[in-house]
Amino acid sequence: MEQQAALNFLQQYLQKHLPLTVAMQVQPQVYDGQSLQLFAPLAVNHNDKGTAFAGSLSSLATVCGWCLVMLWTKEKYQQACQVTVATAQIDYKKPTTSDFIAIAKLPSAEQLAQVQQSLIHKKRARITVSIEIHDQQGMTVQQVADYAIWVV
């Protein structure tokens, strides 16, 4: 899927199916087949201290990873798949003090090949995605999440 087509698809999908992302004003920014960036403004995602709300940060990280895996399955697998987060470990490194971007990255080509084989033979798989959140000062949050994928 071409980058702009993927970003347009995501924007429409999020608006139609995930109302939280509309309230958070999430905007897909960059997709290159291996990583995805989603933007969210601080103005509608802040807490009482004026920094980003932890719930918004964790939501954006989880959604970013989910969107990346969803796009990957659409591109690499012929049958329709469902994707859901199975586990997530998040580390808040420092306060997020400005607009922020989540960056999700797929695992290595070797690990992706194993996921594809599992989907072909078992019709289900798990994939680990690394997600970082950055504001204007740099990385503020790290999340590692496992997403379950199954053929429908």
N, C-alpha and C. Protein backbone atom coordinates (compact mmCIF):
# COMPACT_ATOMS: atom_id res chain seq x y z
N MET A 1 0.86 -1.18 0.00
CA MET A 1 0.00 0.00 0.00
C MET A 1 0.90 1.24 0.00
N GLU A 2 0.63 2.13 -0.90
CA GLU A 2 1.39 3.37 -1.01
C GLU A 2 1.18 4.22 0.25
N GLN A 3 2.19 5.01 0.59
CA GLN A 3 2.17 5.74 1.87
C GLN A 3 0.93 6.62 2.02
N GLN A 4 0.63 7.45 1.06
CA GLN A 4 -0.50 8.37 1.21
C GLN A 4 -1.82 7.61 1.28
N ALA A 5 -1.94 6.55 0.50
CA ALA A 5 -3.17 5.73 0.54
C ALA A 5 -3.32 5.09 1.92
N ALA A 6 -2.23 4.61 2.48
CA ALA A 6 -2.28 4.00 3.81
C ALA A 6 -2.67 5.03 4.87
N LEU A 7 -2.11 6.21 4.79
CA LEU A 7 -2.43 7.27 5.76
C LEU A 7 -3.89 7.70 5.64
N ASN A 8 -4.39 7.82 4.41
CA ASN A 8 -5.80 8.18 4.20
C ASN A 8 -6.72 7.09 4.73
N PHE A 9 -6.37 5.84 4.45
CA PHE A 9 -7.16 4.71 4.95
C PHE A 9 -7.22 4.75 6.48
N LEU A 10 -6.05 4.94 7.12
CA LEU A 10 -6.02 4.98 8.59
C LEU A 10 -6.86 6.11 9.15
N GLN A 11 -6.73 7.29 8.57
CA GLN A 11 -7.49 8.44 9.07
C GLN A 11 -8.98 8.15 9.01
N GLN A 12 -9.45 7.62 7.91
CA GLN A 12 -10.88 7.30 7.76
C GLN A 12 -11.29 6.18 8.71
N TYR A 13 -10.46 5.16 8.83
CA TYR A 13 -10.77 4.03 9.69
C TYR A 13 -10.87 4.47 11.15
N LEU A 14 -9.89 5.25 11.59
CA LEU A 14 -9.90 5.71 12.99
C LEU A 14 -11.12 6.57 13.27
N GLN A 15 -11.44 7.47 12.36
CA GLN A 15 -12.60 8.34 12.56
C GLN A 15 -13.90 7.55 12.63
N LYS A 16 -14.00 6.49 11.83
CA LYS A 16 -15.24 5.71 11.79
C LYS A 16 -15.36 4.72 12.94
N HIS A 17 -14.23 4.11 13.35
CA HIS A 17 -14.30 2.97 14.27
C HIS A 17 -13.74 3.22 15.67
N LEU A 18 -12.93 4.24 15.86
CA LEU A 18 -12.33 4.49 17.18
C LEU A 18 -12.58 5.93 17.62
N PRO A 19 -13.74 6.20 18.23
CA PRO A 19 -14.10 7.57 18.62
C PRO A 19 -13.07 8.24 19.54
N LEU A 20 -12.37 7.44 20.34
CA LEU A 20 -11.35 8.03 21.22
C LEU A 20 -10.30 8.77 20.41
N THR A 21 -9.92 8.22 19.26
CA THR A 21 -8.89 8.87 18.45
C THR A 21 -9.39 10.19 17.85
N VAL A 22 -10.71 10.29 17.66
CA VAL A 22 -11.28 11.56 17.19
C VAL A 22 -11.17 12.60 18.30
N ALA A 23 -11.55 12.21 19.51
CA ALA A 23 -11.46 13.14 20.65
C ALA A 23 -10.01 13.56 20.92
N MET A 24 -9.08 12.62 20.70
CA MET A 24 -7.65 12.92 20.90
C MET A 24 -7.05 13.68 19.72
N GLN A 25 -7.79 13.84 18.64
CA GLN A 25 -7.34 14.50 17.41
C GLN A 25 -6.09 13.83 16.82
N VAL A 26 -6.11 12.50 16.80
CA VAL A 26 -5.00 11.72 16.27
C VAL A 26 -4.93 11.88 14.75
N GLN A 27 -3.71 12.08 14.26
CA GLN A 27 -3.50 12.24 12.82
C GLN A 27 -2.34 11.35 12.37
N PRO A 28 -2.60 10.42 11.45
CA PRO A 28 -1.50 9.65 10.87
C PRO A 28 -0.55 10.59 10.13
N GLN A 29 0.76 10.38 10.32
CA GLN A 29 1.75 11.29 9.74
C GLN A 29 2.66 10.64 8.70
N VAL A 30 3.26 9.51 9.05
CA VAL A 30 4.24 8.87 8.18
C VAL A 30 4.06 7.36 8.27
N TYR A 31 4.09 6.72 7.10
CA TYR A 31 4.08 5.25 7.03
C TYR A 31 5.04 4.83 5.93
N ASP A 32 5.96 3.93 6.26
CA ASP A 32 6.95 3.50 5.27
C ASP A 32 7.00 1.99 5.08
N GLY A 33 6.00 1.28 5.59
CA GLY A 33 5.98 -0.17 5.47
C GLY A 33 6.64 -0.89 6.64
N GLN A 34 7.49 -0.20 7.36
CA GLN A 34 8.18 -0.76 8.53
C GLN A 34 7.86 -0.01 9.81
N SER A 35 7.40 1.23 9.66
CA SER A 35 7.09 2.03 10.84
C SER A 35 5.92 2.96 10.52
N LEU A 36 5.31 3.44 11.58
CA LEU A 36 4.17 4.34 11.47
C LEU A 36 4.30 5.41 12.53
N GLN A 37 3.93 6.63 12.17
CA GLN A 37 3.91 7.74 13.12
C GLN A 37 2.50 8.31 13.20
N LEU A 38 2.01 8.47 14.43
CA LEU A 38 0.74 9.12 14.69
C LEU A 38 0.98 10.34 15.56
N PHE A 39 0.35 11.45 15.22
CA PHE A 39 0.48 12.73 15.93
C PHE A 39 -0.74 12.96 16.81
N ALA A 40 -0.52 13.60 17.98
CA ALA A 40 -1.63 14.06 18.83
C ALA A 40 -1.22 15.40 19.47
N PRO A 41 -2.13 16.35 19.50
CA PRO A 41 -1.82 17.65 20.09
C PRO A 41 -1.97 17.63 21.62
N LEU A 42 -1.08 18.33 22.27
CA LEU A 42 -1.15 18.44 23.73
C LEU A 42 -2.43 19.16 24.17
N ALA A 43 -2.90 20.11 23.38
CA ALA A 43 -4.04 20.95 23.77
C ALA A 43 -5.28 20.15 24.20
N VAL A 44 -5.51 18.98 23.61
CA VAL A 44 -6.68 18.18 23.98
C VAL A 44 -6.30 16.89 24.69
N ASN A 45 -5.04 16.75 25.06
CA ASN A 45 -4.55 15.52 25.71
C ASN A 45 -3.73 15.81 26.96
N HIS A 46 -4.03 16.91 27.61
CA HIS A 46 -3.24 17.30 28.79
C HIS A 46 -3.94 16.94 30.09
N ASN A 47 -3.16 16.94 31.15
CA ASN A 47 -3.69 16.69 32.49
C ASN A 47 -3.74 18.00 33.28
N ASP A 48 -3.98 17.91 34.56
CA ASP A 48 -4.07 19.09 35.41
C ASP A 48 -2.74 19.78 35.63
N LYS A 49 -1.64 19.15 35.24
CA LYS A 49 -0.30 19.74 35.38
C LYS A 49 0.17 20.39 34.09
N GLY A 50 -0.64 20.29 33.03
CA GLY A 50 -0.27 20.88 31.75
C GLY A 50 0.63 20.00 30.90
N THR A 51 0.87 18.78 31.35
CA THR A 51 1.64 17.83 30.56
C THR A 51 0.67 16.81 29.97
N ALA A 52 1.19 15.97 29.09
CA ALA A 52 0.30 14.99 28.45
C ALA A 52 -0.25 14.01 29.48
N PHE A 53 -1.53 13.73 29.36
CA PHE A 53 -2.21 12.77 30.22
C PHE A 53 -1.67 11.37 29.93
N ALA A 54 -1.32 10.61 30.96
CA ALA A 54 -0.76 9.27 30.77
C ALA A 54 -1.71 8.37 29.98
N GLY A 55 -3.00 8.52 30.18
CA GLY A 55 -3.97 7.73 29.43
C GLY A 55 -3.93 8.03 27.94
N SER A 56 -3.73 9.28 27.59
CA SER A 56 -3.59 9.65 26.18
C SER A 56 -2.31 9.07 25.60
N LEU A 57 -1.23 9.12 26.36
CA LEU A 57 0.05 8.58 25.89
C LEU A 57 -0.04 7.08 25.65
N SER A 58 -0.59 6.36 26.63
CA SER A 58 -0.68 4.91 26.47
C SER A 58 -1.66 4.54 25.35
N SER A 59 -2.75 5.30 25.24
CA SER A 59 -3.70 5.04 24.16
C SER A 59 -3.06 5.26 22.80
N LEU A 60 -2.35 6.37 22.63
CA LEU A 60 -1.72 6.65 21.35
C LEU A 60 -0.67 5.59 21.01
N ALA A 61 0.11 5.18 21.98
CA ALA A 61 1.13 4.15 21.74
C ALA A 61 0.46 2.85 21.31
N THR A 62 -0.57 2.44 22.02
CA THR A 62 -1.25 1.19 21.70
C THR A 62 -1.93 1.24 20.34
N VAL A 63 -2.59 2.33 20.04
CA VAL A 63 -3.26 2.49 18.75
C VAL A 63 -2.23 2.53 17.62
N CYS A 64 -1.12 3.19 17.84
CA CYS A 64 -0.09 3.27 16.81
C CYS A 64 0.44 1.88 16.45
N GLY A 65 0.75 1.08 17.46
CA GLY A 65 1.19 -0.29 17.21
C GLY A 65 0.13 -1.11 16.52
N TRP A 66 -1.10 -0.97 16.97
CA TRP A 66 -2.22 -1.71 16.37
C TRP A 66 -2.40 -1.34 14.90
N CYS A 67 -2.35 -0.05 14.60
CA CYS A 67 -2.50 0.40 13.22
C CYS A 67 -1.37 -0.15 12.34
N LEU A 68 -0.15 -0.14 12.86
CA LEU A 68 0.98 -0.65 12.09
C LEU A 68 0.79 -2.13 11.77
N VAL A 69 0.40 -2.91 12.75
CA VAL A 69 0.19 -4.35 12.52
C VAL A 69 -0.98 -4.56 11.55
N MET A 70 -2.02 -3.78 11.69
CA MET A 70 -3.17 -3.90 10.80
C MET A 70 -2.74 -3.62 9.35
N LEU A 71 -1.97 -2.57 9.13
CA LEU A 71 -1.49 -2.26 7.78
C LEU A 71 -0.59 -3.37 7.25
N TRP A 72 0.28 -3.88 8.11
CA TRP A 72 1.19 -4.95 7.70
C TRP A 72 0.41 -6.19 7.26
N THR A 73 -0.62 -6.57 8.02
CA THR A 73 -1.40 -7.75 7.64
C THR A 73 -2.14 -7.52 6.33
N LYS A 74 -2.64 -6.30 6.10
CA LYS A 74 -3.34 -6.00 4.85
C LYS A 74 -2.39 -6.11 3.66
N GLU A 75 -1.13 -5.74 3.86
CA GLU A 75 -0.16 -5.76 2.77
C GLU A 75 0.45 -7.14 2.52
N LYS A 76 0.67 -7.90 3.58
CA LYS A 76 1.46 -9.13 3.47
C LYS A 76 0.66 -10.42 3.49
N TYR A 77 -0.60 -10.34 3.89
CA TYR A 77 -1.37 -11.57 4.04
C TYR A 77 -2.62 -11.46 3.19
N GLN A 78 -2.95 -12.50 2.47
CA GLN A 78 -4.04 -12.46 1.49
C GLN A 78 -5.43 -12.50 2.13
N GLN A 79 -5.55 -13.13 3.29
CA GLN A 79 -6.86 -13.24 3.94
C GLN A 79 -7.05 -12.12 4.96
N ALA A 80 -8.32 -11.83 5.24
CA ALA A 80 -8.64 -10.82 6.24
C ALA A 80 -8.19 -11.29 7.62
N CYS A 81 -7.62 -10.36 8.38
CA CYS A 81 -7.14 -10.68 9.73
C CYS A 81 -7.71 -9.68 10.73
N GLN A 82 -7.81 -10.12 11.97
CA GLN A 82 -8.13 -9.26 13.09
C GLN A 82 -6.85 -9.06 13.90
N VAL A 83 -6.74 -7.90 14.52
CA VAL A 83 -5.58 -7.58 15.34
C VAL A 83 -6.07 -7.00 16.65
N THR A 84 -5.46 -7.45 17.75
CA THR A 84 -5.78 -6.86 19.06
C THR A 84 -4.52 -6.86 19.91
N VAL A 85 -4.42 -5.89 20.80
CA VAL A 85 -3.29 -5.88 21.72
C VAL A 85 -3.50 -7.00 22.74
N ALA A 86 -2.43 -7.73 23.02
CA ALA A 86 -2.50 -8.84 23.99
C ALA A 86 -1.84 -8.44 25.31
N THR A 87 -0.65 -7.86 25.22
CA THR A 87 0.05 -7.38 26.41
C THR A 87 0.81 -6.11 26.04
N ALA A 88 1.04 -5.28 27.04
CA ALA A 88 1.82 -4.06 26.80
C ALA A 88 2.56 -3.67 28.07
N GLN A 89 3.81 -3.27 27.90
CA GLN A 89 4.62 -2.75 29.00
C GLN A 89 5.03 -1.33 28.61
N ILE A 90 4.66 -0.37 29.44
CA ILE A 90 4.93 1.02 29.11
C ILE A 90 5.81 1.65 30.19
N ASP A 91 6.76 2.46 29.75
CA ASP A 91 7.65 3.17 30.66
C ASP A 91 7.57 4.66 30.34
N TYR A 92 7.15 5.44 31.33
CA TYR A 92 7.08 6.88 31.19
C TYR A 92 8.43 7.44 31.63
N LYS A 93 9.22 7.93 30.68
CA LYS A 93 10.59 8.35 30.95
C LYS A 93 10.67 9.76 31.53
N LYS A 94 9.84 10.66 31.01
CA LYS A 94 9.80 12.04 31.50
C LYS A 94 8.50 12.67 31.04
N PRO A 95 8.10 13.78 31.63
CA PRO A 95 6.83 14.40 31.22
C PRO A 95 6.86 14.80 29.75
N THR A 96 5.72 14.65 29.12
CA THR A 96 5.54 15.07 27.73
C THR A 96 4.93 16.46 27.78
N THR A 97 5.68 17.45 27.30
CA THR A 97 5.31 18.85 27.53
C THR A 97 4.87 19.62 26.29
N SER A 98 4.77 18.93 25.15
CA SER A 98 4.33 19.59 23.91
C SER A 98 3.58 18.56 23.07
N ASP A 99 3.12 18.99 21.90
CA ASP A 99 2.49 18.03 20.98
C ASP A 99 3.41 16.82 20.84
N PHE A 100 2.81 15.66 20.58
CA PHE A 100 3.62 14.44 20.59
C PHE A 100 3.30 13.51 19.44
N ILE A 101 4.28 12.67 19.13
CA ILE A 101 4.18 11.70 18.04
C ILE A 101 4.54 10.33 18.58
N ALA A 102 3.70 9.34 18.27
CA ALA A 102 4.03 7.95 18.57
C ALA A 102 4.66 7.36 17.32
N ILE A 103 5.74 6.60 17.52
CA ILE A 103 6.44 5.94 16.42
C ILE A 103 6.49 4.45 16.73
N ALA A 104 5.80 3.66 15.92
CA ALA A 104 5.78 2.20 16.08
C ALA A 104 6.65 1.58 15.01
N LYS A 105 7.41 0.56 15.41
CA LYS A 105 8.31 -0.12 14.48
C LYS A 105 8.07 -1.62 14.53
N LEU A 106 8.00 -2.22 13.33
CA LEU A 106 7.86 -3.67 13.23
C LEU A 106 9.16 -4.35 13.66
N PRO A 107 9.08 -5.61 14.05
CA PRO A 107 10.30 -6.36 14.39
C PRO A 107 11.11 -6.69 13.14
N SER A 108 12.19 -7.43 13.32
CA SER A 108 13.10 -7.79 12.23
C SER A 108 12.40 -8.60 11.14
N ALA A 109 13.01 -8.62 9.96
CA ALA A 109 12.48 -9.40 8.84
C ALA A 109 12.37 -10.87 9.21
N GLU A 110 13.33 -11.38 9.97
CA GLU A 110 13.30 -12.78 10.40
C GLU A 110 12.08 -13.05 11.28
N GLN A 111 11.82 -12.16 12.22
CA GLN A 111 10.65 -12.33 13.09
C GLN A 111 9.34 -12.19 12.30
N LEU A 112 9.31 -11.28 11.35
CA LEU A 112 8.11 -11.11 10.52
C LEU A 112 7.85 -12.37 9.69
N ALA A 113 8.92 -13.00 9.19
CA ALA A 113 8.76 -14.25 8.43
C ALA A 113 8.16 -15.34 9.31
N GLN A 114 8.56 -15.39 10.58
CA GLN A 114 7.99 -16.38 11.50
C GLN A 114 6.51 -16.10 11.74
N VAL A 115 6.16 -14.82 11.86
CA VAL A 115 4.75 -14.45 12.04
C VAL A 115 3.95 -14.88 10.81
N GLN A 116 4.47 -14.62 9.63
CA GLN A 116 3.78 -15.01 8.41
C GLN A 116 3.58 -16.52 8.34
N GLN A 117 4.60 -17.28 8.72
CA GLN A 117 4.48 -18.74 8.71
C GLN A 117 3.42 -19.21 9.70
N SER A 118 3.38 -18.60 10.85
CA SER A 118 2.37 -18.96 11.84
C SER A 118 0.96 -18.65 11.32
N LEU A 119 0.80 -17.51 10.65
CA LEU A 119 -0.51 -17.18 10.08
C LEU A 119 -0.91 -18.18 9.00
N ILE A 120 0.05 -18.60 8.20
CA ILE A 120 -0.25 -19.55 7.13
C ILE A 120 -0.64 -20.91 7.71
N HIS A 121 0.12 -21.40 8.68
CA HIS A 121 -0.08 -22.76 9.18
C HIS A 121 -1.07 -22.87 10.34
N LYS A 122 -1.08 -21.87 11.22
CA LYS A 122 -1.95 -21.94 12.41
C LYS A 122 -3.13 -20.99 12.36
N LYS A 123 -3.10 -20.06 11.40
CA LYS A 123 -4.15 -19.05 11.26
C LYS A 123 -4.19 -18.06 12.41
N ARG A 124 -3.09 -18.02 13.17
CA ARG A 124 -2.97 -17.03 14.26
C ARG A 124 -1.49 -16.84 14.55
N ALA A 125 -1.18 -15.69 15.17
CA ALA A 125 0.22 -15.39 15.50
C ALA A 125 0.25 -14.25 16.51
N ARG A 126 1.42 -14.04 17.05
CA ARG A 126 1.68 -12.87 17.90
C ARG A 126 2.88 -12.14 17.33
N ILE A 127 2.84 -10.83 17.45
CA ILE A 127 3.92 -9.99 16.95
C ILE A 127 4.24 -8.95 18.01
N THR A 128 5.53 -8.72 18.23
CA THR A 128 5.98 -7.72 19.21
C THR A 128 6.36 -6.44 18.48
N VAL A 129 5.79 -5.34 18.95
CA VAL A 129 6.03 -4.03 18.33
C VAL A 129 6.61 -3.09 19.38
N SER A 130 7.63 -2.35 18.99
CA SER A 130 8.22 -1.32 19.85
C SER A 130 7.64 0.03 19.46
N ILE A 131 7.22 0.77 20.46
CA ILE A 131 6.62 2.08 20.23
C ILE A 131 7.31 3.10 21.13
N GLU A 132 7.63 4.25 20.57
CA GLU A 132 8.16 5.36 21.35
C GLU A 132 7.27 6.57 21.13
N ILE A 133 7.20 7.41 22.15
CA ILE A 133 6.51 8.70 22.01
C ILE A 133 7.56 9.79 22.21
N HIS A 134 7.51 10.75 21.29
CA HIS A 134 8.44 11.88 21.32
C HIS A 134 7.65 13.18 21.36
N ASP A 135 8.18 14.14 22.13
CA ASP A 135 7.68 15.51 22.04
C ASP A 135 8.83 16.36 21.47
N GLN A 136 8.75 17.67 21.60
CA GLN A 136 9.78 18.53 21.02
C GLN A 136 11.15 18.34 21.68
N GLN A 137 11.18 17.81 22.90
CA GLN A 137 12.44 17.61 23.61
C GLN A 137 13.02 16.20 23.41
N GLY A 138 12.31 15.33 22.73
CA GLY A 138 12.82 13.98 22.49
C GLY A 138 11.88 12.91 23.02
N MET A 139 12.44 11.71 23.23
CA MET A 139 11.63 10.57 23.66
C MET A 139 11.16 10.76 25.10
N THR A 140 9.87 10.50 25.31
CA THR A 140 9.30 10.63 26.66
C THR A 140 8.69 9.32 27.16
N VAL A 141 8.33 8.42 26.23
CA VAL A 141 7.65 7.18 26.60
C VAL A 141 8.16 6.06 25.71
N GLN A 142 8.30 4.86 26.31
CA GLN A 142 8.61 3.65 25.55
C GLN A 142 7.57 2.60 25.89
N GLN A 143 7.09 1.91 24.88
CA GLN A 143 6.16 0.81 25.09
C GLN A 143 6.57 -0.37 24.21
N VAL A 144 6.50 -1.56 24.76
CA VAL A 144 6.65 -2.78 23.99
C VAL A 144 5.34 -3.53 24.16
N ALA A 145 4.73 -3.87 23.02
CA ALA A 145 3.42 -4.51 23.06
C ALA A 145 3.38 -5.72 22.15
N ASP A 146 2.69 -6.74 22.61
CA ASP A 146 2.42 -7.93 21.80
C ASP A 146 1.00 -7.81 21.27
N TYR A 147 0.88 -8.02 19.97
CA TYR A 147 -0.43 -7.97 19.31
C TYR A 147 -0.77 -9.37 18.82
N ALA A 148 -1.98 -9.79 19.07
CA ALA A 148 -2.47 -11.07 18.56
C ALA A 148 -3.10 -10.81 17.19
N ILE A 149 -2.81 -11.71 16.27
CA ILE A 149 -3.37 -11.64 14.92
C ILE A 149 -4.04 -12.99 14.65
N TRP A 150 -5.23 -12.95 14.05
CA TRP A 150 -5.86 -14.19 13.66
C TRP A 150 -6.63 -13.97 12.36
N VAL A 151 -6.73 -15.04 11.58
CA VAL A 151 -7.42 -15.00 10.30
C VAL A 151 -8.92 -15.12 10.56
N VAL A 152 -9.70 -14.30 9.87
CA VAL A 152 -11.16 -14.36 10.03
C VAL A 152 -11.80 -14.97 8.80
